[in-house]
C-alpha atoms as a PDB file:
ATOM      1  CA  MET A   1      22.345 -16.627 -26.516  1.00  0.00           C
ATOM      2  CA  SER A   2      20.958 -17.992 -23.173  1.00  0.00           C
ATOM      3  CA  PRO A   3      23.210 -19.613 -20.602  1.00  0.00           C
ATOM      4  CA  GLN A   4      23.244 -23.434 -20.395  1.00  0.00           C
ATOM      5  CA  ASN A   5      23.926 -23.709 -16.822  1.00  0.00           C
ATOM      6  CA  PRO A   6      20.843 -24.530 -14.868  1.00  0.00           C
ATOM      7  CA  ALA A   7      22.021 -22.517 -11.837  1.00  0.00           C
ATOM      8  CA  GLU A   8      21.948 -19.395 -14.248  1.00  0.00           C
ATOM      9  CA  ARG A   9      18.257 -20.266 -15.175  1.00  0.00           C
ATOM     10  CA  PRO A  10      16.585 -20.637 -11.753  1.00  0.00           C
ATOM     11  CA  ASN A  11      13.094 -19.848 -12.938  1.00  0.00           C
ATOM     12  CA  GLN A  12      13.089 -22.044 -16.022  1.00  0.00           C
ATOM     13  CA  ASN A  13      13.237 -25.364 -14.140  1.00  0.00           C
ATOM     14  CA  ARG A  14      10.893 -24.472 -11.443  1.00  0.00           C
ATOM     15  CA  PRO A  15       7.210 -25.608 -11.949  1.00  0.00           C
ATOM     16  CA  LYS A  16       4.855 -22.729 -12.290  1.00  0.00           C
ATOM     17  CA  ARG A  17       1.954 -22.339  -9.771  1.00  0.00           C
ATOM     18  CA  SER A  18      -1.344 -21.248 -10.784  1.00  0.00           C
ATOM     19  CA  ARG A  19      -3.221 -18.375  -9.134  1.00  0.00           C
ATOM     20  CA  PRO A  20      -5.759 -20.658  -7.526  1.00  0.00           C
ATOM     21  CA  ALA A  21      -3.126 -22.922  -5.993  1.00  0.00           C
ATOM     22  CA  ARG A  22      -1.401 -19.870  -4.583  1.00  0.00           C
ATOM     23  CA  PHE A  23      -4.711 -18.509  -3.097  1.00  0.00           C
ATOM     24  CA  ILE A  24      -5.477 -22.011  -1.568  1.00  0.00           C
ATOM     25  CA  ALA A  25      -1.917 -22.193  -0.092  1.00  0.00           C
ATOM     26  CA  ILE A  26      -2.258 -18.784   1.490  1.00  0.00           C
ATOM     27  CA  ALA A  27      -5.783 -19.483   2.679  1.00  0.00           C
ATOM     28  CA  LEU A  28      -4.776 -22.628   4.339  1.00  0.00           C
ATOM     29  CA  LEU A  29      -1.904 -20.902   6.052  1.00  0.00           C
ATOM     30  CA  VAL A  30      -4.168 -18.172   7.335  1.00  0.00           C
ATOM     31  CA  LEU A  31      -6.760 -20.654   8.473  1.00  0.00           C
ATOM     32  CA  PHE A  32      -4.309 -22.930  10.290  1.00  0.00           C
ATOM     33  CA  MET A  33      -2.024 -20.389  11.756  1.00  0.00           C
ATOM     34  CA  PRO A  34      -4.192 -19.844  14.823  1.00  0.00           C
ATOM     35  CA  ILE A  35      -4.248 -23.531  15.478  1.00  0.00           C
ATOM     36  CA  PHE A  36      -0.548 -23.821  15.206  1.00  0.00           C
ATOM     37  CA  VAL A  37       0.017 -20.827  17.533  1.00  0.00           C
ATOM     38  CA  PHE A  38      -2.451 -22.193  19.998  1.00  0.00           C
ATOM     39  CA  GLY A  39      -0.791 -25.583  19.948  1.00  0.00           C
ATOM     40  CA  ALA A  40       2.607 -24.110  20.383  1.00  0.00           C
ATOM     41  CA  THR A  41       1.270 -21.894  23.225  1.00  0.00           C
ATOM     42  CA  VAL A  42      -0.196 -24.976  24.953  1.00  0.00           C
ATOM     43  CA  ALA A  43       2.953 -26.913  24.487  1.00  0.00           C
ATOM     44  CA  ALA A  44       4.972 -24.102  26.125  1.00  0.00           C
ATOM     45  CA  THR A  45       2.697 -23.329  28.937  1.00  0.00           C
ATOM     46  CA  GLY A  46       1.490 -26.923  29.729  1.00  0.00           C
ATOM     47  CA  THR A  47      -1.886 -28.248  30.587  1.00  0.00           C
ATOM     48  CA  VAL A  48      -3.907 -29.010  33.718  1.00  0.00           C
ATOM     49  CA  THR A  49      -5.338 -32.531  33.406  1.00  0.00           C
ATOM     50  CA  VAL A  50      -7.983 -34.302  35.323  1.00  0.00           C
ATOM     51  CA  SER A  51      -8.652 -37.977  34.844  1.00  0.00           C
ATOM     52  CA  VAL A  52     -11.292 -39.952  36.589  1.00  0.00           C
ATOM     53  CA  GLN A  53     -12.018 -43.647  35.933  1.00  0.00           C
ATOM     54  CA  GLU A  54     -14.821 -45.108  38.097  1.00  0.00           C
ATOM     55  CA  LYS A  55     -15.073 -48.847  38.317  1.00  0.00           C
ATOM     56  CA  GLY A  56     -17.856 -49.822  36.081  1.00  0.00           C
ATOM     57  CA  GLY A  57     -18.839 -46.151  35.395  1.00  0.00           C
ATOM     58  CA  VAL A  58     -17.438 -42.789  34.457  1.00  0.00           C
ATOM     59  CA  ASP A  59     -14.228 -42.564  32.360  1.00  0.00           C
ATOM     60  CA  LEU A  60     -13.456 -38.853  32.185  1.00  0.00           C
ATOM     61  CA  TRP A  61     -10.364 -36.986  30.905  1.00  0.00           C
ATOM     62  CA  ILE A  62     -10.324 -33.175  30.919  1.00  0.00           C
ATOM     63  CA  PRO A  63      -7.282 -31.198  29.716  1.00  0.00           C
ATOM     64  CA  VAL A  64      -7.207 -27.498  30.356  1.00  0.00           C
ATOM     65  CA  PRO A  65      -4.669 -25.142  28.900  1.00  0.00           C
ATOM     66  CA  ALA A  66      -2.629 -23.689  31.732  1.00  0.00           C
ATOM     67  CA  LEU A  67      -2.659 -20.490  29.752  1.00  0.00           C
ATOM     68  CA  LEU A  68      -6.374 -20.099  30.937  1.00  0.00           C
ATOM     69  CA  PHE A  69      -5.122 -20.065  34.570  1.00  0.00           C
ATOM     70  CA  ASP A  70      -2.546 -17.355  33.589  1.00  0.00           C
ATOM     71  CA  LEU A  71      -5.369 -15.379  32.180  1.00  0.00           C
ATOM     72  CA  ALA A  72      -7.512 -15.925  35.355  1.00  0.00           C
ATOM     73  CA  ILE A  73      -4.592 -14.723  37.476  1.00  0.00           C
ATOM     74  CA  PHE A  74      -4.126 -11.785  35.411  1.00  0.00           C
ATOM     75  CA  ALA A  75      -7.827 -10.906  35.163  1.00  0.00           C
ATOM     76  CA  ALA A  76      -8.964 -11.650  38.773  1.00  0.00           C
ATOM     77  CA  PRO A  77      -7.313  -8.524  40.439  1.00  0.00           C
ATOM     78  CA  ARG A  78      -8.827  -6.284  37.733  1.00  0.00           C
ATOM     79  CA  LEU A  79     -12.256  -7.764  37.821  1.00  0.00           C
ATOM     80  CA  MET A  80     -12.819  -8.336  41.403  1.00  0.00           C
ATOM     81  CA  PRO A  81     -14.250  -5.560  43.493  1.00  0.00           C
ATOM     82  CA  GLU A  82     -11.652  -3.630  45.355  1.00  0.00           C
ATOM     83  CA  ASP A  83     -13.085  -4.435  48.793  1.00  0.00           C
ATOM     84  CA  GLU A  84     -13.105  -8.287  48.084  1.00  0.00           C
ATOM     85  CA  LEU A  85      -9.567  -8.168  46.589  1.00  0.00           C
ATOM     86  CA  ALA A  86      -8.308  -6.150  49.693  1.00  0.00           C
ATOM     87  CA  GLU A  87      -9.992  -8.770  52.029  1.00  0.00           C
ATOM     88  CA  VAL A  88      -8.123 -11.719  50.222  1.00  0.00           C
ATOM     89  CA  ARG A  89      -4.851  -9.830  50.416  1.00  0.00           C
ATOM     90  CA  ARG A  90      -5.434  -9.050  54.084  1.00  0.00           C
ATOM     91  CA  GLU A  91      -6.353 -12.679  54.878  1.00  0.00           C
ATOM     92  CA  LEU A  92      -3.339 -13.989  52.985  1.00  0.00           C
ATOM     93  CA  ALA A  93      -0.809 -11.392  54.097  1.00  0.00           C
ATOM     94  CA  PRO A  94       0.383 -13.286  57.240  1.00  0.00           C
ATOM     95  CA  TYR A  95       1.153 -16.339  55.019  1.00  0.00           C
ATOM     96  CA  HIS A  96       2.716 -14.505  52.002  1.00  0.00           C
ATOM     97  CA  ASP A  97       6.353 -15.151  52.881  1.00  0.00           C
ATOM     98  CA  THR A  98       5.667 -18.738  53.792  1.00  0.00           C
ATOM     99  CA  LEU A  99       3.777 -19.376  50.546  1.00  0.00           C
ATOM    100  CA  GLU A 100       6.471 -17.738  48.431  1.00  0.00           C
ATOM    101  CA  ALA A 101       9.054 -19.854  50.104  1.00  0.00           C
ATOM    102  CA  LEU A 102       6.961 -22.870  49.631  1.00  0.00           C
ATOM    103  CA  ALA A 103       6.377 -22.281  46.035  1.00  0.00           C
ATOM    104  CA  SER A 104      10.104 -21.642  45.417  1.00  0.00           C
ATOM    105  CA  GLU A 105      11.015 -24.856  47.197  1.00  0.00           C
ATOM    106  CA  LEU A 106       8.465 -26.825  45.340  1.00  0.00           C
ATOM    107  CA  GLU A 107       9.743 -25.626  42.058  1.00  0.00           C
ATOM    108  CA  SER A 108      13.268 -26.586  42.916  1.00  0.00           C
ATOM    109  CA  ILE A 109      12.474 -30.229  43.928  1.00  0.00           C
ATOM    110  CA  PRO A 110      14.059 -32.611  41.363  1.00  0.00           C
ATOM    111  CA  ALA A 111      11.941 -34.600  38.983  1.00  0.00           C
ATOM    112  CA  GLY A 112      10.830 -38.058  40.193  1.00  0.00           C
ATOM    113  CA  SER A 113      10.538 -36.950  43.839  1.00  0.00           C
ATOM    114  CA  VAL A 114       7.681 -38.304  45.952  1.00  0.00           C
ATOM    115  CA  LEU A 115       6.237 -35.541  48.057  1.00  0.00           C
ATOM    116  CA  VAL A 116       3.454 -37.370  49.816  1.00  0.00           C
ATOM    117  CA  GLU A 117       2.456 -41.105  49.831  1.00  0.00           C
ATOM    118  CA  VAL A 118      -0.348 -42.374  51.973  1.00  0.00           C
ATOM    119  CA  GLU A 119      -1.899 -45.797  52.051  1.00  0.00           C
ATOM    120  CA  SER A 120      -4.908 -47.114  53.988  1.00  0.00           C
ATOM    121  CA  ALA A 121      -6.856 -50.224  53.578  1.00  0.00           C
ATOM    122  CA  ARG A 122      -9.183 -48.804  50.856  1.00  0.00           C
ATOM    123  CA  GLU A 123      -7.146 -45.897  49.416  1.00  0.00           C
ATOM    124  CA  GLN A 124      -3.735 -44.924  48.075  1.00  0.00           C
ATOM    125  CA  VAL A 125      -2.639 -41.300  47.486  1.00  0.00           C
ATOM    126  CA  LYS A 126       0.605 -40.263  45.954  1.00  0.00           C
ATOM    127  CA  ILE A 127       1.839 -36.852  45.046  1.00  0.00           C
ATOM    128  CA  THR A 128       4.984 -36.542  42.960  1.00  0.00           C
ATOM    129  CA  LYS A 129       6.799 -34.122  40.947  1.00  0.00           C
ATOM    130  CA  ASP A 130       7.495 -34.943  37.359  1.00  0.00           C
ATOM    131  CA  TRP A 131       9.728 -32.894  35.030  1.00  0.00           C
ATOM    132  CA  ARG A 132       7.364 -29.775  34.770  1.00  0.00           C
ATOM    133  CA  SER A 133       4.388 -30.822  36.822  1.00  0.00           C
ATOM    134  CA  PHE A 134       3.004 -32.126  40.081  1.00  0.00           C
ATOM    135  CA  ASP A 135       0.953 -35.251  39.709  1.00  0.00           C
ATOM    136  CA  ILE A 136      -1.617 -36.268  42.384  1.00  0.00           C
ATOM    137  CA  VAL A 137      -2.725 -39.879  42.032  1.00  0.00           C
ATOM    138  CA  VAL A 138      -5.566 -41.517  44.131  1.00  0.00           C
ATOM    139  CA  HIS A 139      -6.527 -45.121  43.854  1.00  0.00           C
ATOM    140  CA  SER A 140      -9.636 -46.274  45.752  1.00  0.00           C
ATOM    141  CA  ASP A 141     -11.998 -49.209  45.657  1.00  0.00           C
ATOM    142  CA  ASP A 142     -14.428 -47.415  43.524  1.00  0.00           C
ATOM    143  CA  ALA A 143     -12.362 -44.980  41.405  1.00  0.00           C
ATOM    144  CA  ASP A 144      -8.904 -43.912  40.214  1.00  0.00           C
ATOM    145  CA  VAL A 145      -8.255 -40.152  39.974  1.00  0.00           C
ATOM    146  CA  ARG A 146      -5.234 -38.413  38.554  1.00  0.00           C
ATOM    147  CA  VAL A 147      -4.619 -34.596  38.501  1.00  0.00           C
ATOM    148  CA  SER A 148      -1.625 -33.109  36.865  1.00  0.00           C
ATOM    149  CA  ILE A 149      -0.651 -29.415  37.509  1.00  0.00           C
ATOM    150  CA  PRO A 150       2.221 -27.468  35.963  1.00  0.00           C
ATOM    151  CA  ALA A 151       4.764 -26.554  38.653  1.00  0.00           C
ATOM    152  CA  ARG A 152       5.013 -22.912  37.537  1.00  0.00           C
ATOM    153  CA  LEU A 153       1.280 -22.392  38.261  1.00  0.00           C
ATOM    154  CA  LEU A 154       1.937 -22.530  42.111  1.00  0.00           C
ATOM    155  CA  SER A 155       4.158 -19.428  42.148  1.00  0.00           C
ATOM    156  CA  ARG A 156       1.996 -17.714  39.507  1.00  0.00           C
ATOM    157  CA  GLY A 157      -1.025 -18.002  41.973  1.00  0.00           C
ATOM    158  CA  LEU A 158       0.846 -15.736  44.307  1.00  0.00           C
ATOM    159  CA  ASP A 159       0.714 -12.936  41.793  1.00  0.00           C
ATOM    160  CA  LEU A 160      -3.015 -12.580  42.766  1.00  0.00           C
ATOM    161  CA  MET A 161      -1.731 -11.198  46.125  1.00  0.00           C
ATOM    162  CA  GLY A 162       0.166  -8.405  44.521  1.00  0.00           C
END
């Protein structure tokens, strides 16, 4: 005699899936997994965005995953000729400690801080720190430009110096 309690018969009440449905589910998972991983990586590392709006002209918005900058910082010392890399390091060496201190201070600035604000008769420039990024906004008579850079990229750029 079979038990009457549904908890004791877990497979009997569950709808059965056909083989094609399982294959389609697995195929969709394999197909979309890279997209999900890429999306999660972009969300975690941030994006560099550039937005340009010309008065009566170009309306441009370019997002670039910050991960590409990380890859460039990783690859540059390995792909540059040794003499050129040595030249870059030699030229930046006197400023290395100052740049490290600057990057550290910039990362510790609280969100919502205005770093630079300049106004003239025709232009306005403002650099602020948002929660995870620096925003550079330029308003002029002929265009509005906005650049957003993740704050962590400033210190990562120093890795190029070794």
